[in-house]
Amino acid sequence: MSEANKAIVRELGFGGLMHIPPMNVPHKLLKELANSFNLEKKKLDTRHGSLKIKPKKIGAALCLNASGDLFPNKVSFKKLSEENREF
């Protein structure tokens, strides 16, 4: 995936999904899901209606942290040593 595409994925809030290991999913199924997703409304349009899709729901379905926050344990900058504060 190009860096531009990665930036778009992160901006949409699906950055955590880039860490999914390769899966054996038919390309045709992935294409159908992508074509059924309404980007403006963030809904998946199916024959049975529309589903509101959020990164948290995708993460739960795939057992992943898809919130975009890959570091759930926050670190206080003030509690870091001088050595660890350098960027």
Protein backbone atom coordinates (compact mmCIF):
# COMPACT_ATOMS: atom_id res chain seq x y z
CA MET A 1 0.00 0.00 0.00
CA SER A 2 1.37 3.41 -0.90
CA GLU A 3 2.11 5.99 1.80
CA ALA A 4 -0.72 8.17 0.46
CA ASN A 5 -3.20 5.31 0.85
CA LYS A 6 -1.89 4.57 4.36
CA ALA A 7 -2.44 8.21 5.31
CA ILE A 8 -6.04 8.02 4.07
CA VAL A 9 -6.67 4.83 6.05
CA ARG A 10 -5.28 6.44 9.23
CA GLU A 11 -7.32 9.62 8.64
CA LEU A 12 -10.52 7.56 8.42
CA GLY A 13 -9.71 6.03 11.80
CA PHE A 14 -8.85 2.56 10.52
CA GLY A 15 -5.09 2.75 11.11
CA GLY A 16 -5.10 -0.31 13.33
CA LEU A 17 -6.36 -2.42 10.45
CA MET A 18 -3.06 -2.02 8.63
CA HIS A 19 -1.55 -4.42 11.16
CA ILE A 20 -3.79 -7.33 10.19
CA PRO A 21 -1.76 -10.30 9.04
CA PRO A 22 -2.50 -11.55 5.51
CA MET A 23 -5.71 -13.60 5.40
CA ASN A 24 -6.98 -16.13 2.95
CA VAL A 25 -10.04 -14.12 1.86
CA PRO A 26 -11.26 -14.26 -1.73
CA HIS A 27 -10.53 -11.05 -3.62
CA LYS A 28 -14.08 -11.10 -4.99
CA LEU A 29 -15.53 -10.89 -1.46
CA LEU A 30 -13.23 -8.03 -0.47
CA LYS A 31 -14.12 -6.17 -3.66
CA GLU A 32 -17.85 -6.62 -2.98
CA LEU A 33 -17.47 -5.32 0.59
CA ALA A 34 -15.48 -2.32 -0.62
CA ASN A 35 -18.06 -1.52 -3.30
CA SER A 36 -20.89 -1.80 -0.76
CA PHE A 37 -19.31 0.64 1.69
CA ASN A 38 -20.73 4.18 1.59
CA LEU A 39 -17.75 6.32 2.56
CA GLU A 40 -19.75 9.52 3.11
CA LYS A 41 -22.22 7.91 5.52
CA LYS A 42 -19.75 5.31 6.85
CA LYS A 43 -22.33 2.59 6.27
CA LEU A 44 -22.21 -0.80 4.62
CA ASP A 45 -25.18 -1.13 2.28
CA THR A 46 -26.43 -4.74 2.10
CA ARG A 47 -29.52 -6.50 0.79
CA HIS A 48 -30.78 -6.51 4.37
CA GLY A 49 -30.32 -2.79 4.95
CA SER A 50 -27.48 -0.51 6.00
CA LEU A 51 -25.02 -1.15 8.80
CA LYS A 52 -23.22 1.72 10.50
CA ILE A 53 -19.57 0.72 10.55
CA LYS A 54 -17.08 2.05 13.09
CA PRO A 55 -13.46 1.06 13.60
CA LYS A 56 -14.39 -0.38 17.01
CA LYS A 57 -16.91 -2.78 15.41
CA ILE A 58 -14.42 -3.93 12.80
CA GLY A 59 -11.82 -4.45 15.49
CA ALA A 60 -14.25 -6.52 17.55
CA ALA A 61 -15.14 -8.65 14.53
CA LEU A 62 -11.47 -9.32 13.75
CA CYS A 63 -10.29 -9.44 17.41
CA LEU A 64 -7.99 -6.47 16.79
CA ASN A 65 -7.41 -3.02 18.20
CA ALA A 66 -8.82 -1.06 15.26
CA SER A 67 -9.31 2.21 17.09
CA GLY A 68 -6.16 3.67 15.60
CA ASP A 69 -4.74 3.87 19.13
CA LEU A 70 -2.10 1.16 19.08
CA PHE A 71 -0.77 2.23 22.48
CA PRO A 72 -3.69 1.91 24.92
CA ASN A 73 -1.43 2.30 27.97
CA LYS A 74 -0.69 6.01 28.09
CA VAL A 75 2.63 7.27 29.39
CA SER A 76 2.88 10.56 31.23
CA PHE A 77 5.58 12.69 29.62
CA LYS A 78 6.31 14.30 33.00
CA LYS A 79 7.11 10.92 34.57
CA LEU A 80 9.72 10.00 31.95
CA SER A 81 13.41 10.36 32.66
CA GLU A 82 15.35 13.02 30.74
CA GLU A 83 16.87 10.27 28.58
CA ASN A 84 13.48 8.93 27.53
CA ARG A 85 12.03 12.38 26.80
CA GLU A 86 14.17 12.89 23.71
CA PHE A 87 12.37 12.45 20.39
